Amino acid sequence: MTSPDDTPDTQRRIQQRQDERDQARRPSQDAGGGAMQAGARKQPEALPAQHLEKPGRESDLELAPRFQAPDYRGSGKLQGRVALITGADSGIGRAVAVLFPREGADVAVAFHTSTGDAEDTRRHVEAEGRRCLLLQGDVKDAAWCDAAVAAVIERFGRLDVLVNNAAFQEHADALEAIDDERLQETLDTNIGGYLRMARAALPHLKPGASIINTGSVVGLKGSATLIDYAATKGAIHALTKSLASHLIERGIRVNAVAPGPVWTPLNPADASADRVARFGQQTDMKRAAQPEELSPAYVFLAAPVCSGYITGIVLPVTGSVGAI
């Protein structure tokens, strides 16, 4: 099995090469302000100019992402169910891992190397009154994916919801910067990992179960600087529709959420500090989302009482009009 320690070294090499390319490039400043606030509470509009070393820890962010959704009230939509969420130590995955137990589910938190963030996620899951299992490993490793699902079955006796969320992202100023090491890391993590986890989980999913994939707005509209990442997100959208057709006769629904810019460690561990400070201002709402603004969409797609007649969709939560 691949050692979890190998991947951070690979990702840091990729990051270092791109950081060197970025040093001479200072993007122009865009006008900000006028951000839209339409949620249950006002969300941050200004982001810190901060660049993180990969893989990026939530605990290192100067502005802590909001994931607790204090205004969200659970109503037992996932009572007695079990969910496995990859990339759940931080960001969107952590926010989903908090709302699922609020709706009555036990949660397995799969993560790669950020043990401190994962432990913090576990504390929040257990504070919701449900059980939590931590699973450390690499979705690029098929044997680990099989073992992770087996551990969930051993601990909880069932698996009802798989959320594929783990991802690798590194921008490129030119196609020539995407060497084979970077290409392989992006493809094998983002689309290969989703396929492996779905394959491992499938024998244990019963009628009424759900698979939810995290896509992206860049998988809908493309990105000039995230060419390989956007390509994998487009592939995830196609995978969602294909698996939905493949599994519909087995009573298993497959859907995706396509987030716009969200304040998680993923982007500060990619973009320069200057770009991070303007992250999300290009949306119609003129700000990045907080993770707690995405997680209810995952509850909706996971809960049969909400979306039992929905499969094969890509739900855009992008902060902009006309995302599709």
Protein backbone atom coordinates (compact mmCIF):
# COMPACT_ATOMS: atom_id res chain seq x y z
CA MET A 1 0.00 0.00 0.00
CA THR A 2 1.18 3.55 -0.74
CA SER A 3 2.52 5.35 2.31
CA PRO A 4 0.47 8.44 3.25
CA ASP A 5 3.81 10.24 3.64
CA ASP A 6 4.68 9.98 -0.08
CA THR A 7 1.90 12.15 -1.47
CA PRO A 8 2.67 15.37 0.48
CA ASP A 9 6.25 15.27 -0.87
CA THR A 10 4.94 14.90 -4.42
CA GLN A 11 2.44 17.69 -3.95
CA ARG A 12 5.02 20.02 -2.39
CA ARG A 13 7.39 19.43 -5.33
CA ILE A 14 4.62 20.37 -7.72
CA GLN A 15 3.74 23.42 -5.60
CA GLN A 16 7.37 24.55 -5.37
CA ARG A 17 7.84 24.45 -9.13
CA GLN A 18 4.71 26.51 -9.67
CA ASP A 19 5.57 28.97 -6.88
CA GLU A 20 8.86 29.63 -8.65
CA ARG A 21 6.99 30.40 -11.86
CA ASP A 22 4.69 32.79 -9.99
CA GLN A 23 7.39 34.88 -8.32
CA ALA A 24 7.78 37.30 -11.20
CA ARG A 25 4.06 37.55 -11.88
CA ARG A 26 2.02 40.04 -9.82
CA PRO A 27 -1.65 40.04 -10.79
CA SER A 28 -3.49 43.33 -11.12
CA GLN A 29 -5.75 44.40 -8.29
CA ASP A 30 -9.48 44.06 -8.91
CA ALA A 31 -12.06 46.29 -7.32
CA GLY A 32 -13.92 44.62 -4.48
CA GLY A 33 -16.82 45.44 -2.21
CA GLY A 34 -20.53 45.20 -2.64
CA ALA A 35 -20.65 41.51 -1.76
CA MET A 36 -24.09 39.91 -1.53
CA GLN A 37 -25.29 38.54 1.81
CA ALA A 38 -28.42 36.39 1.58
CA GLY A 39 -27.83 33.63 4.10
CA ALA A 40 -28.79 33.01 7.71
CA ARG A 41 -25.84 35.07 8.96
CA LYS A 42 -23.40 37.51 7.43
CA GLN A 43 -20.33 35.81 5.98
CA PRO A 44 -16.79 37.20 5.69
CA GLU A 45 -16.12 39.30 2.61
CA ALA A 46 -12.41 40.08 3.07
CA LEU A 47 -9.95 37.19 2.96
CA PRO A 48 -6.37 37.19 4.23
CA ALA A 49 -3.46 37.33 1.77
CA GLN A 50 -2.09 33.94 2.78
CA HIS A 51 -0.31 31.11 0.97
CA LEU A 52 -0.14 27.66 2.62
CA GLU A 53 2.28 24.80 2.07
CA LYS A 54 0.55 21.74 0.68
CA PRO A 55 -1.42 19.75 1.58
CA GLY A 56 -2.80 22.71 3.56
CA ARG A 57 -4.21 22.52 7.09
CA GLU A 58 -7.40 24.28 8.12
CA SER A 59 -5.83 25.05 11.49
CA ASP A 60 -3.17 27.17 9.70
CA LEU A 61 -5.66 29.51 8.03
CA GLU A 62 -5.62 33.04 9.43
CA LEU A 63 -9.37 33.26 8.87
CA ALA A 64 -11.02 30.11 10.20
CA PRO A 65 -13.54 28.71 7.70
CA ARG A 66 -17.11 28.63 8.95
CA PHE A 67 -18.40 25.07 8.95
CA GLN A 68 -20.66 24.71 12.01
CA ALA A 69 -23.86 26.19 10.48
CA PRO A 70 -25.30 27.27 13.85
CA ASP A 71 -28.64 28.25 12.29
CA TYR A 72 -29.17 24.83 10.70
CA ARG A 73 -31.62 22.64 12.64
CA GLY A 74 -31.56 18.89 12.10
CA SER A 75 -34.76 16.89 11.77
CA GLY A 76 -33.62 13.26 11.51
CA LYS A 77 -33.32 13.19 7.71
CA LEU A 78 -30.40 10.71 7.96
CA GLN A 79 -31.37 8.98 11.19
CA GLY A 80 -29.59 5.66 11.66
CA ARG A 81 -27.58 5.95 8.47
CA VAL A 82 -23.81 5.72 7.99
CA ALA A 83 -21.75 8.01 5.76
CA LEU A 84 -18.16 7.83 4.55
CA ILE A 85 -16.71 11.19 3.50
CA THR A 86 -13.29 11.56 1.86
CA GLY A 87 -11.32 14.74 2.43
CA ALA A 88 -13.42 15.31 5.53
CA ASP A 89 -10.71 16.70 7.78
CA SER A 90 -11.28 20.24 6.50
CA GLY A 91 -13.20 22.48 4.15
CA ILE A 92 -16.42 21.29 2.55
CA GLY A 93 -15.83 17.74 3.76
CA ARG A 94 -15.66 18.85 7.38
CA ALA A 95 -18.81 20.95 7.02
CA VAL A 96 -20.67 17.95 5.58
CA ALA A 97 -19.28 15.75 8.36
CA VAL A 98 -20.87 18.10 10.90
CA LEU A 99 -24.33 18.35 9.33
CA PHE A 100 -24.75 14.64 8.62
CA PRO A 101 -24.67 13.68 12.33
CA ARG A 102 -26.93 16.62 13.09
CA GLU A 103 -29.39 14.75 10.86
CA GLY A 104 -28.75 11.46 12.71
CA ALA A 105 -25.93 9.77 10.79
CA ASP A 106 -22.71 8.19 12.03
CA VAL A 107 -19.72 9.38 10.02
CA ALA A 108 -16.40 7.96 8.84
CA VAL A 109 -13.93 10.79 8.21
CA ALA A 110 -11.35 9.85 5.58
CA PHE A 111 -8.28 12.08 5.41
CA HIS A 112 -4.72 12.01 4.15
CA THR A 113 -2.17 13.57 6.49
CA SER A 114 -3.73 16.41 8.52
CA THR A 115 -4.30 14.43 11.71
CA GLY A 116 -4.89 17.53 13.84
CA ASP A 117 -7.65 18.76 11.55
CA ALA A 118 -9.16 15.26 11.44
CA GLU A 119 -9.23 15.01 15.22
CA ASP A 120 -10.92 18.39 15.39
CA THR A 121 -13.54 17.18 12.91
CA ARG A 122 -14.12 14.10 15.05
CA ARG A 123 -14.74 16.25 18.11
CA HIS A 124 -17.39 18.19 16.24
CA VAL A 125 -19.07 15.03 14.93
CA GLU A 126 -19.21 13.52 18.40
CA ALA A 127 -20.51 16.82 19.80
CA GLU A 128 -23.54 16.26 17.55
CA GLY A 129 -24.19 13.03 19.46
CA ARG A 130 -23.11 10.49 16.82
CA ARG A 131 -20.16 8.15 16.36
CA CYS A 132 -17.11 9.02 14.26
CA LEU A 133 -14.40 6.83 12.71
CA LEU A 134 -11.14 8.34 11.44
CA LEU A 135 -9.58 6.72 8.37
CA GLN A 136 -6.13 7.91 7.31
CA GLY A 137 -4.90 7.00 3.84
CA ASP A 138 -4.66 7.81 0.16
CA VAL A 139 -7.52 7.50 -2.34
CA LYS A 140 -4.88 6.82 -5.01
CA ASP A 141 -4.30 3.44 -3.32
CA ALA A 142 -6.93 0.86 -4.28
CA ALA A 143 -6.01 -1.42 -1.36
CA TRP A 144 -6.52 1.43 1.09
CA CYS A 145 -9.92 2.29 -0.42
CA ASP A 146 -11.03 -1.31 0.05
CA ALA A 147 -9.68 -1.36 3.59
CA ALA A 148 -11.37 1.93 4.47
CA VAL A 149 -14.79 0.66 3.42
CA ALA A 150 -14.16 -2.62 5.25
CA ALA A 151 -13.34 -0.66 8.41
CA VAL A 152 -16.63 1.25 8.12
CA ILE A 153 -18.58 -1.99 7.79
CA GLU A 154 -16.74 -3.53 10.73
CA ARG A 155 -17.38 -0.50 12.96
CA PHE A 156 -20.91 0.47 11.95
CA GLY A 157 -22.30 -2.61 10.19
CA ARG A 158 -23.52 -0.73 7.11
CA LEU A 159 -22.79 2.04 4.61
CA ASP A 160 -25.53 4.26 3.20
CA VAL A 161 -23.84 7.39 1.85
CA LEU A 162 -20.48 7.84 0.13
CA VAL A 163 -19.27 11.41 -0.35
CA ASN A 164 -16.30 11.63 -2.73
CA ASN A 165 -14.62 14.91 -1.86
CA ALA A 166 -10.81 14.48 -1.65
CA ALA A 167 -8.99 16.56 -4.27
CA PHE A 168 -5.65 17.91 -5.46
CA GLN A 169 -5.37 21.31 -7.17
CA GLU A 170 -2.42 23.35 -8.42
CA HIS A 171 -2.79 26.21 -10.89
CA ALA A 172 -0.59 26.60 -13.95
CA ASP A 173 0.26 29.78 -15.83
CA ALA A 174 0.97 27.75 -18.99
CA LEU A 175 0.15 24.31 -20.34
CA GLU A 176 3.87 23.59 -20.46
CA ALA A 177 3.98 23.80 -16.66
CA ILE A 178 1.73 20.74 -16.34
CA ASP A 179 4.36 18.03 -16.37
CA ASP A 180 3.55 14.34 -16.11
CA GLU A 181 4.04 14.20 -12.35
CA ARG A 182 1.49 16.97 -11.82
CA LEU A 183 -0.89 15.50 -14.39
CA GLN A 184 -0.77 12.07 -12.80
CA GLU A 185 -1.29 13.43 -9.29
CA THR A 186 -4.34 15.44 -10.36
CA LEU A 187 -5.95 12.70 -12.45
CA ASP A 188 -5.25 9.87 -10.04
CA THR A 189 -6.50 11.77 -6.98
CA ASN A 190 -9.52 13.56 -8.39
CA ILE A 191 -11.09 11.07 -10.79
CA GLY A 192 -9.20 7.87 -9.96
CA GLY A 193 -9.92 8.29 -6.25
CA TYR A 194 -13.64 8.75 -6.87
CA LEU A 195 -13.82 5.63 -9.00
CA ARG A 196 -11.87 3.53 -6.50
CA MET A 197 -14.01 4.63 -3.56
CA ALA A 198 -17.25 4.02 -5.45
CA ARG A 199 -16.01 0.59 -6.52
CA ALA A 200 -15.05 -0.31 -2.96
CA ALA A 201 -18.34 0.94 -1.49
CA LEU A 202 -20.72 -0.51 -4.07
CA PRO A 203 -20.96 -4.09 -2.71
CA HIS A 204 -22.25 -2.65 0.58
CA LEU A 205 -24.71 -0.08 -0.75
CA LYS A 206 -28.35 -1.12 -0.55
CA PRO A 207 -31.42 0.34 -2.32
CA GLY A 208 -31.92 3.86 -0.98
CA ALA A 209 -28.19 4.48 -0.67
CA SER A 210 -26.52 7.52 -2.20
CA ILE A 211 -23.22 8.54 -3.73
CA ILE A 212 -22.44 12.27 -3.81
CA ASN A 213 -19.46 13.58 -5.76
CA THR A 214 -17.88 16.99 -5.32
CA GLY A 215 -17.52 18.58 -8.73
CA SER A 216 -16.75 22.23 -9.39
CA VAL A 217 -17.87 25.30 -11.27
CA VAL A 218 -14.66 24.98 -13.29
CA GLY A 219 -15.92 21.59 -14.46
CA LEU A 220 -18.95 23.43 -15.89
CA LYS A 221 -17.25 26.44 -17.47
CA GLY A 222 -13.53 25.58 -17.63
CA SER A 223 -10.55 27.48 -16.25
CA ALA A 224 -7.58 28.98 -18.05
CA THR A 225 -5.27 28.40 -15.08
CA LEU A 226 -6.68 25.12 -13.70
CA ILE A 227 -6.63 23.10 -16.92
CA ASP A 228 -5.94 19.65 -15.48
CA TYR A 229 -8.06 20.23 -12.37
CA ALA A 230 -11.02 21.52 -14.42
CA ALA A 231 -10.70 18.52 -16.71
CA THR A 232 -11.01 16.14 -13.75
CA LYS A 233 -14.02 18.02 -12.43
CA GLY A 234 -15.71 17.77 -15.80
CA ALA A 235 -14.93 14.07 -15.72
CA ILE A 236 -16.49 13.83 -12.27
CA HIS A 237 -19.69 15.35 -13.63
CA ALA A 238 -19.71 12.77 -16.43
CA LEU A 239 -18.92 10.01 -13.94
CA THR A 240 -21.89 11.14 -11.83
CA LYS A 241 -24.32 10.86 -14.72
CA SER A 242 -22.82 7.57 -15.90
CA LEU A 243 -22.93 5.95 -12.46
CA ALA A 244 -26.46 7.25 -11.94
CA SER A 245 -27.57 5.44 -15.11
CA HIS A 246 -25.57 2.35 -14.19
CA LEU A 247 -26.98 2.07 -10.65
CA ILE A 248 -30.56 3.23 -11.06
CA GLU A 249 -31.89 -0.33 -11.33
CA ARG A 250 -30.20 -1.12 -8.03
CA GLY A 251 -31.98 1.75 -6.28
CA ILE A 252 -28.78 3.73 -5.67
CA ARG A 253 -28.82 7.44 -6.45
CA VAL A 254 -25.69 9.27 -7.68
CA ASN A 255 -25.47 13.06 -7.75
CA ALA A 256 -22.87 15.81 -7.58
CA VAL A 257 -22.46 19.27 -6.08
CA ALA A 258 -20.53 21.81 -8.15
CA PRO A 259 -19.21 24.46 -5.75
CA GLY A 260 -17.98 27.85 -6.79
CA PRO A 261 -15.13 29.45 -4.80
CA VAL A 262 -15.24 28.25 -1.18
CA TRP A 263 -12.94 29.31 1.66
CA THR A 264 -11.04 26.09 2.42
CA PRO A 265 -7.32 25.20 2.64
CA LEU A 266 -7.39 23.97 -0.99
CA ASN A 267 -7.04 27.40 -2.59
CA PRO A 268 -4.55 29.06 -0.20
CA ALA A 269 -2.43 25.94 -0.75
CA ASP A 270 -2.59 26.65 -4.49
CA ALA A 271 -2.78 30.35 -5.27
CA SER A 272 -0.39 33.14 -4.33
CA ALA A 273 -1.23 35.29 -1.33
CA ASP A 274 -2.25 38.19 -3.61
CA ARG A 275 -4.72 36.01 -5.49
CA VAL A 276 -6.09 34.48 -2.29
CA ALA A 277 -6.94 37.97 -1.00
CA ARG A 278 -9.23 38.42 -4.03
CA PHE A 279 -10.58 34.87 -4.06
CA GLY A 280 -14.30 34.75 -4.89
CA GLN A 281 -14.64 38.41 -5.94
CA GLN A 282 -15.22 37.34 -9.55
CA THR A 283 -18.57 35.75 -8.66
CA ASP A 284 -21.83 37.63 -9.03
CA MET A 285 -22.08 37.69 -5.24
CA LYS A 286 -18.53 39.13 -5.14
CA ARG A 287 -17.31 36.93 -2.34
CA ALA A 288 -16.24 33.36 -1.63
CA ALA A 289 -18.65 31.00 0.09
CA GLN A 290 -18.04 29.53 3.50
CA PRO A 291 -18.19 25.70 3.81
CA GLU A 292 -21.40 25.90 5.84
CA GLU A 293 -23.10 27.41 2.79
CA LEU A 294 -22.35 24.23 0.79
CA SER A 295 -23.06 21.46 3.30
CA PRO A 296 -26.89 21.68 3.25
CA ALA A 297 -26.79 20.75 -0.45
CA TYR A 298 -25.10 17.46 0.50
CA VAL A 299 -27.77 16.79 3.14
CA PHE A 300 -30.44 17.40 0.51
CA LEU A 301 -28.86 14.94 -1.94
CA ALA A 302 -28.12 12.32 0.74
CA ALA A 303 -31.57 12.26 2.32
CA PRO A 304 -34.16 10.07 0.55
CA VAL A 305 -36.94 12.15 2.11
CA CYS A 306 -35.59 15.20 0.23
CA SER A 307 -34.23 13.83 -3.04
CA GLY A 308 -35.57 10.32 -3.51
CA TYR A 309 -36.66 11.23 -7.05
CA ILE A 310 -33.35 12.88 -7.99
CA THR A 311 -30.37 11.12 -9.57
CA GLY A 312 -27.71 12.07 -12.08
CA ILE A 313 -27.77 15.82 -11.43
CA VAL A 314 -24.91 18.27 -10.96
CA LEU A 315 -26.16 20.87 -8.49
CA PRO A 316 -24.32 24.20 -8.88
CA VAL A 317 -23.76 26.21 -5.69
CA THR A 318 -21.60 28.90 -7.23
CA GLY A 319 -22.59 32.38 -6.05
CA SER A 320 -23.30 33.34 -9.67
CA VAL A 321 -26.20 33.44 -12.09
CA GLY A 322 -26.18 31.06 -15.04
CA ALA A 323 -23.61 28.61 -13.70
CA ILE A 324 -24.61 25.89 -16.18
